[in-house]
Structures are given as structure tokens and as C-alpha cells.
Amino acid sequence: MQIAYGTYAMPTVPFEQAIPALAGIGYDGVEICVGPQHIGSLPEEVGVDRRAQLRRLLEKHRLGVPALMVLGSLYTPNEEQHQANLEHMRACAQLARDLGLREPPVLAMGIGGAKDQWETIKGDLVRLLADYAALAEELDFVLAAEAHCGAAVYNSVRAVWLFETVNSPRVRMHFDIVHLFLAGEEIEDAVRTLVPYTAHTHVTDARRHADGTFELVLLGQGELDAVRYVRAMHEAGWNDFITLEVSAMVWSKPGYDPMTAAKWCYEQLSGAFEGAGVVRG
């Protein structure tokens, strides 16, 4: 397994600065975030020459790219918006290929919807994901759909039902352990259940409060046992990137320093690898 960092945590840092900085910290890879809040990240903002320059920069610094993280939600009740989302994903797939992601590239996106909508929208989710599966087959990429606390798919039971029902090798899971942790699942149980469906990972941390609320925080500042998580992923046979995420709950606060956060997270996750006895590579 290797360690990557997501530029979701670096909304004000251009890719040209983020790539060498993350390599200098020690990361093995970088997850590229694509979203309107993230400077110069949308496909239309990355022209042909810049794509070639970024690809050379990634190669120079020997950083793998486990996925493009495409901000937004797969679920929408609006067919026009769904078609727009598919066109955006088409553009992101081309960006991924131009940046030199491994084949087939992985594009990650949140599933969306609300927890209490599940029974109403689960059939719609299957239909929408079937359209993404068809697009992914046409363009040769893999969609990694993320379960999320508070969203329609927030636990292992719903995730397994959805991926089994869609039943496509082109639609896999974007597995962030913190959301299953917040759903009350044991780390080892969630990992064993969900790794077989997983194409991409995130790890962050959370603090739970007595009133039932929670706060997402930097890894090592909350209650998630990162050593247990790394060991469980290794024992489950995961041999790809573990990608660190920093929540908008953190990076939107005044005084946030993206480089300090990247260094802190690296120290925490590399320490967890050591604690779990897992060799990177």
C-alpha cells in the first residue's frame, strides 16, 4: 500500500505548486480534485499545454494519481442535471487520461441523497448508476461512488445492496472509513465487507459529541484508530493507495494552512503504517 493526499484539502493551491510540495513531504501519490471552488481545476481550465505540463510534473516527481475526485453528487431528481453531470464526467475522464492516470482511470464522486430518502430513491440510484456504467464502458474508466454519513448510502448494508444491484465492474465504491465509523460500524467489519467493492479510498478523522453531532478533523485529532484501519486494510488484501482527505469542515476555517495540514496528515498516516507493521510499496 502507498500514501496519497487529496488536493481537495488545497483549494487555493494550483496543481503546479501542490505536486512538488506533496512529493517533497514524502507522499507517493496525489488525488486530483476537480471542482469550482478549487483554483484552476475544472477541465475547461486545464488546456492542452497545461495538461501536458502537469503530466510531466507528475512523472518528474514520481507521484501516482489514484483518482480524480469530482465534486458533486451522483443523485439528482432532475434529468437535465443528470445529463449535465454525465457530460461533466465525460470531460473529467478525458482530463484523467491526459494527465496520465493509470488505465483505466478512476473517477470518484459522492452518491448523495439523504439518509431518510433511501427507500424512495434507491431505485433511482440504480438507474442513474447504470447510466454512469454505460458511460464508463464507452470511455473505459471506473466510477468510484462514495458512501457518506447523512447521505442515502451511509453504511455497509446499503452500500452492498447498491453495488450488488448495479452489478457492474465499472461502478465500484469510494470507501472512506470515517463515514462507516460514524455509522457505528467496527473498522475491521467495515473493511472486510467493503474492500471487495472498492476502487478508491479516503481516510480522515472525526470527533463525536454527546448530543449526536460530530466534527470532521485532521487524521490523528479525532477518535479513529488509524493503526487498526491500516492493519485491517492490509489484512483484507488492499494493495493500492490510502488517500488522505481533509474535510471542508477543516479547510474552510480561518487561518487554515494547507501545507501544514498536508505535513501533519503525512506524519499521522506514515506513523500508522509503522504502527501496523505495514511496509509501503
Protein backbone atom coordinates (compact mmCIF):
# COMPACT_ATOMS: atom_id res chain seq x y z
CA MET A 1 0.00 0.00 0.00
CA GLN A 2 1.03 3.58 -0.62
CA ILE A 3 0.03 7.00 0.72
CA ALA A 4 -1.66 9.73 -1.34
CA TYR A 5 -3.05 13.14 -0.49
CA GLY A 6 -6.10 14.79 -1.99
CA THR A 7 -5.95 18.32 -3.38
CA TYR A 8 -9.49 18.75 -2.05
CA ALA A 9 -7.54 19.93 1.01
CA MET A 10 -5.76 22.59 -1.08
CA PRO A 11 -8.46 24.71 -2.76
CA THR A 12 -6.23 27.78 -3.10
CA VAL A 13 -3.09 25.96 -4.25
CA PRO A 14 -2.56 25.44 -8.00
CA PHE A 15 -1.64 21.92 -9.09
CA GLU A 16 1.74 23.24 -10.23
CA GLN A 17 2.57 24.09 -6.61
CA ALA A 18 0.77 21.19 -4.93
CA ILE A 19 2.52 18.41 -6.85
CA PRO A 20 6.15 19.23 -5.95
CA ALA A 21 5.14 20.19 -2.40
CA LEU A 22 3.44 16.86 -1.74
CA ALA A 23 6.33 14.92 -3.26
CA GLY A 24 8.70 16.86 -1.02
CA ILE A 25 6.71 15.88 2.07
CA GLY A 26 7.04 12.22 1.12
CA TYR A 27 3.73 11.29 -0.47
CA ASP A 28 3.61 8.51 -3.05
CA GLY A 29 0.59 9.92 -4.87
CA VAL A 30 -1.86 12.77 -5.27
CA GLU A 31 -5.60 12.60 -5.77
CA ILE A 32 -6.63 15.43 -8.11
CA CYS A 33 -9.75 17.32 -7.02
CA VAL A 34 -11.96 18.83 -9.73
CA GLY A 35 -14.43 21.45 -8.55
CA PRO A 36 -15.46 25.09 -8.93
CA GLN A 37 -14.04 26.08 -5.52
CA HIS A 38 -10.61 24.68 -6.37
CA ILE A 39 -8.38 27.03 -8.30
CA GLY A 40 -7.78 26.09 -11.93
CA SER A 41 -9.12 22.55 -11.54
CA LEU A 42 -12.09 22.33 -13.91
CA PRO A 43 -11.47 20.56 -17.22
CA GLU A 44 -12.12 23.75 -19.17
CA GLU A 45 -9.45 25.49 -17.08
CA VAL A 46 -6.79 22.91 -17.95
CA GLY A 47 -5.87 23.43 -21.59
CA VAL A 48 -3.87 21.10 -23.80
CA ASP A 49 -0.47 22.62 -22.97
CA ARG A 50 -1.18 22.71 -19.24
CA ARG A 51 -2.31 19.09 -19.25
CA ALA A 52 0.97 18.07 -20.85
CA GLN A 53 2.94 20.18 -18.35
CA LEU A 54 1.10 18.67 -15.38
CA ARG A 55 1.65 15.16 -16.69
CA ARG A 56 5.38 15.83 -16.98
CA LEU A 57 5.37 17.29 -13.46
CA LEU A 58 3.70 14.20 -12.03
CA GLU A 59 6.20 11.98 -13.82
CA LYS A 60 9.14 14.10 -12.67
CA HIS A 61 8.09 13.81 -9.03
CA ARG A 62 7.06 10.15 -9.41
CA LEU A 63 3.61 10.70 -7.98
CA GLY A 64 0.86 8.27 -8.86
CA VAL A 65 -2.70 9.54 -9.19
CA PRO A 66 -5.15 7.07 -7.65
CA ALA A 67 -8.21 9.00 -8.84
CA LEU A 68 -9.79 12.25 -9.87
CA MET A 69 -12.19 13.40 -7.15
CA VAL A 70 -15.09 15.04 -8.98
CA LEU A 71 -17.05 17.29 -6.64
CA GLY A 72 -20.82 16.93 -6.71
CA SER A 73 -23.43 14.23 -6.21
CA LEU A 74 -24.41 11.38 -8.49
CA TYR A 75 -28.01 11.52 -7.28
CA THR A 76 -30.29 14.17 -8.69
CA PRO A 77 -34.06 14.08 -9.24
CA ASN A 78 -33.59 16.37 -12.26
CA GLU A 79 -32.95 14.61 -15.57
CA GLU A 80 -31.42 17.70 -17.15
CA GLN A 81 -28.95 17.95 -14.29
CA HIS A 82 -28.17 14.24 -14.59
CA GLN A 83 -27.32 14.65 -18.26
CA ALA A 84 -25.13 17.66 -17.42
CA ASN A 85 -23.38 15.58 -14.76
CA LEU A 86 -22.68 12.85 -17.31
CA GLU A 87 -21.18 15.38 -19.74
CA HIS A 88 -19.01 16.77 -16.96
CA MET A 89 -17.86 13.24 -16.14
CA ARG A 90 -17.04 12.75 -19.83
CA ALA A 91 -14.78 15.83 -19.71
CA CYS A 92 -13.19 14.64 -16.46
CA ALA A 93 -12.45 11.24 -17.98
CA GLN A 94 -10.54 12.92 -20.78
CA LEU A 95 -8.67 15.09 -18.27
CA ALA A 96 -7.72 11.98 -16.29
CA ARG A 97 -6.36 10.29 -19.38
CA ASP A 98 -4.45 13.40 -20.47
CA LEU A 99 -2.84 13.66 -17.04
CA GLY A 100 -1.59 10.11 -17.38
CA LEU A 101 -3.65 8.29 -14.77
CA ARG A 102 -3.21 4.54 -14.84
CA GLU A 103 -5.60 2.61 -17.03
CA PRO A 104 -8.47 2.51 -16.59
CA PRO A 105 -8.61 5.83 -14.69
CA VAL A 106 -10.77 6.06 -11.57
CA LEU A 107 -13.21 8.96 -11.19
CA ALA A 108 -14.67 9.38 -7.70
CA MET A 109 -17.89 11.17 -6.81
CA GLY A 110 -20.31 11.26 -3.88
CA ILE A 111 -23.55 9.31 -4.16
CA GLY A 112 -25.64 12.00 -2.47
CA GLY A 113 -29.27 11.97 -1.46
CA ALA A 114 -30.35 11.99 2.17
CA LYS A 115 -30.31 9.18 4.72
CA ASP A 116 -34.10 9.21 5.14
CA GLN A 117 -34.70 9.16 1.36
CA TRP A 118 -33.25 5.70 0.87
CA GLU A 119 -36.44 3.72 0.33
CA THR A 120 -37.76 6.40 -2.02
CA ILE A 121 -34.69 6.90 -4.18
CA LYS A 122 -32.76 3.61 -4.17
CA GLY A 123 -34.35 2.55 -7.46
CA ASP A 124 -33.41 5.91 -8.97
CA LEU A 125 -29.83 5.45 -7.77
CA VAL A 126 -29.62 2.12 -9.58
CA ARG A 127 -30.95 3.72 -12.78
CA LEU A 128 -28.59 6.70 -12.56
CA LEU A 129 -25.58 4.50 -11.84
CA ALA A 130 -26.49 2.31 -14.82
CA ASP A 131 -26.06 5.41 -17.00
CA TYR A 132 -22.64 6.05 -15.45
CA ALA A 133 -21.73 2.42 -16.02
CA ALA A 134 -22.60 2.76 -19.71
CA LEU A 135 -20.52 5.95 -19.99
CA ALA A 136 -17.62 4.32 -18.15
CA GLU A 137 -17.78 1.36 -20.52
CA GLU A 138 -17.79 3.67 -23.53
CA LEU A 139 -14.86 5.77 -22.29
CA ASP A 140 -13.02 3.00 -20.39
CA PHE A 141 -12.94 4.37 -16.84
CA VAL A 142 -14.14 3.22 -13.42
CA LEU A 143 -16.59 5.23 -11.33
CA ALA A 144 -15.95 5.14 -7.58
CA ALA A 145 -19.14 6.16 -5.77
CA GLU A 146 -18.75 7.39 -2.19
CA ALA A 147 -20.92 6.47 0.76
CA HIS A 148 -21.18 9.36 3.22
CA CYS A 149 -22.58 9.98 6.68
CA GLY A 150 -26.02 11.54 6.36
CA ALA A 151 -26.33 10.55 2.69
CA ALA A 152 -28.64 7.94 1.23
CA VAL A 153 -25.84 5.37 1.31
CA TYR A 154 -24.18 5.77 4.69
CA ASN A 155 -23.49 2.22 5.89
CA SER A 156 -22.25 -1.15 4.66
CA VAL A 157 -25.71 -2.70 4.27
CA ARG A 158 -26.89 -0.05 1.84
CA ALA A 159 -23.55 0.07 0.02
CA VAL A 160 -23.51 -3.68 -0.58
CA TRP A 161 -27.13 -3.64 -1.77
CA LEU A 162 -26.42 -0.83 -4.21
CA PHE A 163 -23.23 -2.24 -5.74
CA GLU A 164 -24.66 -5.76 -5.93
CA THR A 165 -27.81 -4.46 -7.60
CA VAL A 166 -25.98 -2.26 -10.12
CA ASN A 167 -23.68 -5.24 -10.70
CA SER A 168 -21.15 -3.54 -12.97
CA PRO A 169 -17.35 -3.75 -12.84
CA ARG A 170 -17.41 -0.12 -13.98
CA VAL A 171 -19.19 1.08 -10.82
CA ARG A 172 -17.22 0.50 -7.65
CA MET A 173 -17.01 2.07 -4.20
CA HIS A 174 -15.11 5.08 -2.97
CA PHE A 175 -14.54 3.86 0.59
CA ASP A 176 -13.89 6.45 3.30
CA ILE A 177 -13.69 4.61 6.61
CA VAL A 178 -14.69 7.64 8.68
CA HIS A 179 -18.27 7.54 7.36
CA LEU A 180 -18.70 3.89 8.34
CA PHE A 181 -17.07 4.70 11.68
CA LEU A 182 -19.65 7.46 12.20
CA ALA A 183 -22.38 4.96 11.29
CA GLY A 184 -21.27 2.92 14.30
CA GLU A 185 -19.51 0.12 12.43
CA GLU A 186 -16.33 -1.53 13.67
CA ILE A 187 -13.33 -0.72 11.49
CA GLU A 188 -12.47 -4.36 10.79
CA ASP A 189 -16.06 -5.30 9.94
CA ALA A 190 -16.49 -2.40 7.51
CA VAL A 191 -13.15 -3.09 5.84
CA ARG A 192 -13.78 -6.80 5.37
CA THR A 193 -17.23 -6.12 3.95
CA LEU A 194 -16.40 -3.22 1.62
CA VAL A 195 -12.88 -3.77 0.28
CA PRO A 196 -14.18 -6.30 -2.30
CA TYR A 197 -16.30 -3.50 -3.81
CA THR A 198 -13.68 -0.75 -3.53
CA ALA A 199 -11.80 1.11 -6.27
CA HIS A 200 -10.59 4.11 -4.26
CA THR A 201 -10.15 5.14 -0.62
CA HIS A 202 -10.19 8.11 1.68
CA VAL A 203 -9.24 8.38 5.32
CA THR A 204 -9.86 11.28 7.63
CA ASP A 205 -10.87 11.55 11.28
CA ALA A 206 -13.81 12.61 13.42
CA ARG A 207 -14.82 13.58 16.93
CA ARG A 208 -18.26 12.51 18.10
CA HIS A 209 -20.20 14.61 20.60
CA ALA A 210 -22.64 13.58 23.30
CA ASP A 211 -25.55 15.28 21.52
CA GLY A 212 -25.08 13.06 18.46
CA THR A 213 -23.29 15.63 16.33
CA PHE A 214 -19.76 15.19 15.06
CA GLU A 215 -16.83 17.16 13.72
CA LEU A 216 -14.50 16.02 10.95
CA VAL A 217 -10.89 16.78 11.84
CA LEU A 218 -7.37 16.05 10.63
CA LEU A 219 -6.22 12.47 10.97
CA GLY A 220 -4.86 11.96 14.48
CA GLN A 221 -7.02 14.69 16.01
CA GLY A 222 -10.12 12.55 16.49
CA GLU A 223 -11.23 9.10 17.59
CA LEU A 224 -10.47 6.95 14.54
CA ASP A 225 -7.74 4.40 15.22
CA ALA A 226 -5.57 4.76 12.11
CA VAL A 227 -3.32 1.85 13.07
CA ARG A 228 -6.31 -0.50 13.26
CA TYR A 229 -7.54 0.83 9.92
CA VAL A 230 -4.23 0.37 8.10
CA ARG A 231 -3.79 -3.12 9.54
CA ALA A 232 -7.35 -4.08 8.56
CA MET A 233 -6.88 -2.82 5.00
CA HIS A 234 -3.65 -4.76 4.68
CA GLU A 235 -5.21 -7.94 6.05
CA ALA A 236 -8.18 -7.53 3.69
CA GLY A 237 -5.79 -7.61 0.74
CA TRP A 238 -5.89 -3.94 -0.26
CA ASN A 239 -2.63 -3.19 -2.08
CA ASP A 240 -3.35 0.24 -3.54
CA PHE A 241 -3.28 3.82 -2.28
CA ILE A 242 -4.69 5.03 1.00
CA THR A 243 -5.65 8.62 0.25
CA LEU A 244 -5.78 11.25 2.97
CA GLU A 245 -8.68 13.67 2.89
CA VAL A 246 -9.09 16.94 4.76
CA SER A 247 -12.73 17.93 5.16
CA ALA A 248 -14.13 21.32 4.23
CA MET A 249 -15.04 21.50 7.93
CA VAL A 250 -11.29 21.99 8.39
CA TRP A 251 -10.07 23.83 5.29
CA SER A 252 -12.87 26.38 5.29
CA LYS A 253 -11.88 27.71 8.73
CA PRO A 254 -9.96 31.00 9.03
CA GLY A 255 -6.23 30.50 9.42
CA TYR A 256 -6.12 27.11 7.72
CA ASP A 257 -2.66 26.39 6.26
CA PRO A 258 -2.80 23.73 3.51
CA MET A 259 0.89 22.84 3.70
CA THR A 260 0.87 22.45 7.48
CA ALA A 261 -2.17 20.18 7.18
CA ALA A 262 -0.50 18.07 4.47
CA LYS A 263 2.61 17.59 6.59
CA TRP A 264 0.61 16.73 9.72
CA CYS A 265 -1.53 14.18 7.86
CA TYR A 266 1.52 12.55 6.30
CA GLU A 267 3.14 12.12 9.69
CA GLN A 268 -0.02 10.57 11.12
CA LEU A 269 -0.63 8.09 8.32
CA SER A 270 3.01 7.11 7.81
CA GLY A 271 3.17 6.57 11.58
CA ALA A 272 0.06 4.37 11.37
CA PHE A 273 1.75 2.25 8.68
CA GLU A 274 4.70 1.79 11.02
CA GLY A 275 2.43 1.04 13.96
CA ALA A 276 0.53 -1.56 11.94
CA GLY A 277 3.76 -3.14 10.67
CA VAL A 278 2.77 -2.49 7.06
CA VAL A 279 5.57 -1.75 4.60
CA ARG A 280 4.77 0.83 1.93
CA GLY A 281 5.27 -0.13 -1.64
